[in-house]
Amino acid sequence: MPFDPVLILALAGGYLFGSIPFGLVLTRAAGLGDIRTVGSGNIGATNVLRTGRKDLAAATLVLDSAKAGIACLLFTFLVSTPAGLIAGGAAFFGHCFPVWLKFKGGKGVATFLGVLLAAAWPVGVLTCLTWLGIALLMRISSLSALVAAAAAPALALAFDRPDVALLTLVLALPLYLRHKDNIVRLLDGSEPRIGAAKT
């Protein structure tokens, strides 16, 4: 069966859009240098916050979420739901493994949530609330992300979206792999809490 060129376009377009490293772009534009030399070296909002610029961290969070959400919505409306899910998922991989940064990107939490909010907003909202609840209770960013990612497939199935559940399972694997150091620290009790040292 031949590949559908539109789906290939969704894959490539989503990946390239997701590869835009907004955290790096914003911090450099603000004269803060290379965010990869700060804290954990990550390009995401949590590390941008370590520069002391809450506005830049918030902007990074919104833009990293939006790039996946926009990719998903654009191809959903222009082509089909499967094309939208492919584009959104590709944007997630683009964020985690951006071609512009030698495939060394972020951990994908904001982008993961952005895909869900666009693909099935009730699932996305509940996944975000799961993240927020764990963050408020435990004050550990990485644990919040891991629990939210684990809950997402079940939430998608509860809303009768097996396609979204499958997507979240596919995305959860690299998300967990990119949190491997955090998982080690969680297991030995050394993972810092929100507002403390690097996570």
Protein backbone atom coordinates (compact mmCIF):
# COMPACT_ATOMS: atom_id res chain seq x y z
CA MET A 1 0.00 0.00 0.00
CA PRO A 2 1.60 3.33 -1.04
CA PHE A 3 2.28 6.06 1.50
CA ASP A 4 -0.22 8.90 1.56
CA PRO A 5 1.75 12.06 0.63
CA VAL A 6 -0.52 14.19 2.79
CA LEU A 7 0.29 12.11 5.86
CA ILE A 8 3.98 12.34 5.02
CA LEU A 9 3.53 16.12 4.83
CA ALA A 10 1.82 16.06 8.23
CA LEU A 11 4.72 14.08 9.64
CA ALA A 12 7.40 16.34 8.18
CA GLY A 13 5.56 19.60 8.82
CA GLY A 14 4.72 18.70 12.39
CA TYR A 15 8.28 17.64 13.11
CA LEU A 16 9.82 20.82 11.69
CA PHE A 17 7.37 23.05 13.53
CA GLY A 18 7.96 21.16 16.76
CA SER A 19 11.71 21.52 16.28
CA ILE A 20 11.57 25.29 16.84
CA PRO A 21 13.45 25.71 20.17
CA PHE A 22 11.42 28.57 21.64
CA GLY A 23 13.21 28.46 25.00
CA LEU A 24 16.56 28.93 23.32
CA VAL A 25 15.27 31.58 20.91
CA LEU A 26 13.58 33.65 23.63
CA THR A 27 16.51 33.59 26.06
CA ARG A 28 18.98 34.52 23.36
CA ALA A 29 16.73 37.34 22.14
CA ALA A 30 16.56 38.62 25.73
CA GLY A 31 20.36 38.70 25.93
CA LEU A 32 20.60 35.81 28.39
CA GLY A 33 22.89 33.67 26.25
CA ASP A 34 22.49 29.96 25.62
CA ILE A 35 19.91 28.36 27.94
CA ARG A 36 21.71 25.05 27.43
CA THR A 37 24.51 26.34 29.69
CA VAL A 38 22.08 27.05 32.54
CA GLY A 39 20.84 24.61 35.18
CA SER A 40 19.89 21.27 33.67
CA GLY A 41 20.84 22.41 30.17
CA ASN A 42 17.29 21.78 28.97
CA ILE A 43 15.55 24.12 26.52
CA GLY A 44 12.13 23.88 28.20
CA ALA A 45 10.19 26.27 30.42
CA THR A 46 11.41 24.79 33.72
CA ASN A 47 15.02 25.53 32.86
CA VAL A 48 14.18 28.94 31.39
CA LEU A 49 12.69 29.77 34.79
CA ARG A 50 16.15 29.30 36.29
CA THR A 51 17.28 32.45 34.50
CA GLY A 52 14.98 34.38 36.82
CA ARG A 53 12.74 35.49 33.95
CA LYS A 54 9.27 34.22 34.77
CA ASP A 55 7.87 35.99 31.72
CA LEU A 56 10.20 34.11 29.40
CA ALA A 57 9.45 30.83 31.15
CA ALA A 58 5.71 31.40 30.75
CA ALA A 59 6.15 32.33 27.10
CA THR A 60 8.23 29.20 26.52
CA LEU A 61 5.58 27.04 28.16
CA VAL A 62 2.82 28.53 26.02
CA LEU A 63 4.77 28.37 22.77
CA ASP A 64 6.06 24.83 23.32
CA SER A 65 2.48 23.72 23.98
CA ALA A 66 1.05 25.76 21.13
CA LYS A 67 3.41 24.46 18.44
CA ALA A 68 2.12 20.92 18.90
CA GLY A 69 -1.46 22.05 19.33
CA ILE A 70 -1.38 24.19 16.20
CA ALA A 71 0.18 21.41 14.13
CA CYS A 72 -2.50 19.00 15.32
CA LEU A 73 -5.42 21.40 14.74
CA LEU A 74 -4.16 22.60 11.37
CA PHE A 75 -3.91 19.15 9.83
CA THR A 76 -7.11 17.98 11.55
CA PHE A 77 -9.14 20.77 9.97
CA LEU A 78 -7.38 20.76 6.61
CA VAL A 79 -7.02 17.00 6.16
CA SER A 80 -8.33 14.56 8.78
CA THR A 81 -8.16 13.55 12.42
CA PRO A 82 -5.45 10.92 11.77
CA ALA A 83 -3.35 13.53 9.95
CA GLY A 84 -3.79 15.89 12.89
CA LEU A 85 -2.66 13.26 15.38
CA ILE A 86 0.35 12.44 13.22
CA ALA A 87 1.30 16.12 12.94
CA GLY A 88 0.88 16.71 16.67
CA GLY A 89 2.85 13.61 17.54
CA ALA A 90 5.57 14.60 15.09
CA ALA A 91 5.76 18.03 16.71
CA PHE A 92 6.39 16.32 20.05
CA PHE A 93 9.28 14.34 18.55
CA GLY A 94 10.55 17.50 16.89
CA HIS A 95 10.67 19.22 20.27
CA CYS A 96 12.47 16.33 21.94
CA PHE A 97 14.83 15.68 19.02
CA PRO A 98 15.16 18.94 17.03
CA VAL A 99 17.20 18.77 13.86
CA TRP A 100 18.46 22.33 14.50
CA LEU A 101 20.09 21.33 17.83
CA LYS A 102 21.67 18.04 16.80
CA PHE A 103 18.58 16.18 18.06
CA LYS A 104 19.12 17.35 21.66
CA GLY A 105 15.90 19.03 22.73
CA GLY A 106 13.46 19.29 25.60
CA LYS A 107 11.73 16.66 27.68
CA GLY A 108 8.42 17.17 25.92
CA VAL A 109 6.00 17.78 28.79
CA ALA A 110 4.47 21.05 27.53
CA THR A 111 4.38 19.72 23.97
CA PHE A 112 2.72 16.50 25.15
CA LEU A 113 0.01 18.51 26.88
CA GLY A 114 -0.40 20.74 23.83
CA VAL A 115 -1.11 17.74 21.61
CA LEU A 116 -3.73 16.45 24.03
CA LEU A 117 -5.46 19.81 24.38
CA ALA A 118 -5.77 20.04 20.60
CA ALA A 119 -6.63 16.41 19.91
CA ALA A 120 -9.20 15.91 22.67
CA TRP A 121 -9.55 18.93 24.92
CA PRO A 122 -11.35 17.16 27.82
CA VAL A 123 -8.51 14.65 27.97
CA GLY A 124 -5.98 17.47 27.75
CA VAL A 125 -7.64 19.49 30.50
CA LEU A 126 -7.82 16.50 32.86
CA THR A 127 -4.21 15.59 32.11
CA CYS A 128 -3.17 19.18 32.89
CA LEU A 129 -5.18 19.05 36.12
CA THR A 130 -3.44 15.79 37.00
CA TRP A 131 -0.08 17.49 36.50
CA LEU A 132 -1.18 20.47 38.57
CA GLY A 133 -2.59 18.34 41.38
CA ILE A 134 0.59 16.30 41.77
CA ALA A 135 2.69 19.46 41.54
CA LEU A 136 0.71 21.15 44.31
CA LEU A 137 0.73 18.02 46.46
CA MET A 138 4.32 16.81 45.99
CA ARG A 139 6.10 19.92 44.66
CA ILE A 140 8.10 17.80 42.22
CA SER A 141 7.84 18.81 38.55
CA SER A 142 9.17 15.59 37.07
CA LEU A 143 6.84 13.40 39.15
CA SER A 144 3.89 15.54 38.03
CA ALA A 145 4.85 15.01 34.40
CA LEU A 146 5.35 11.27 34.76
CA VAL A 147 2.03 10.73 36.55
CA ALA A 148 0.16 12.89 34.05
CA ALA A 149 1.68 11.03 31.10
CA ALA A 150 0.74 7.69 32.68
CA ALA A 151 -2.83 8.85 33.31
CA ALA A 152 -3.39 10.23 29.80
CA PRO A 153 -4.08 6.91 27.98
CA ALA A 154 -6.69 5.88 30.55
CA LEU A 155 -8.32 9.30 30.37
CA ALA A 156 -8.44 9.08 26.57
CA LEU A 157 -10.10 5.67 26.73
CA ALA A 158 -12.62 7.01 29.26
CA PHE A 159 -13.65 9.57 26.64
CA ASP A 160 -13.84 6.86 23.95
CA ARG A 161 -10.77 8.10 22.08
CA PRO A 162 -8.66 4.99 21.49
CA ASP A 163 -6.75 6.85 18.76
CA VAL A 164 -5.65 9.48 21.28
CA ALA A 165 -4.86 6.77 23.84
CA LEU A 166 -2.58 5.08 21.33
CA LEU A 167 -0.87 8.38 20.55
CA THR A 168 -0.24 9.11 24.23
CA LEU A 169 1.26 5.65 24.71
CA VAL A 170 3.63 6.27 21.80
CA LEU A 171 4.63 9.69 23.16
CA ALA A 172 4.92 8.56 26.77
CA LEU A 173 7.85 6.26 26.00
CA PRO A 174 10.30 8.97 24.87
CA LEU A 175 8.93 11.27 27.58
CA TYR A 176 9.82 8.69 30.22
CA LEU A 177 13.20 8.02 28.60
CA ARG A 178 14.02 11.72 28.67
CA HIS A 179 13.19 11.73 32.38
CA LYS A 180 15.40 8.75 33.18
CA ASP A 181 17.75 10.77 35.40
CA ASN A 182 14.75 12.25 37.22
CA ILE A 183 13.35 8.76 37.76
CA VAL A 184 16.64 7.63 39.31
CA ARG A 185 16.56 10.62 41.67
CA LEU A 186 12.91 10.01 42.50
CA LEU A 187 13.70 6.44 43.46
CA ASP A 188 16.62 7.40 45.71
CA GLY A 189 14.81 10.41 47.19
CA SER A 190 17.18 13.05 45.85
CA GLU A 191 14.91 14.67 43.26
CA PRO A 192 14.63 18.38 44.18
CA ARG A 193 11.29 20.04 44.62
CA ILE A 194 9.84 22.89 42.60
CA GLY A 195 11.69 26.09 43.41
CA ALA A 196 14.84 24.27 44.53
CA ALA A 197 17.86 23.07 42.51
CA LYS A 198 17.71 21.44 39.11
CA THR A 199 15.03 18.87 38.33
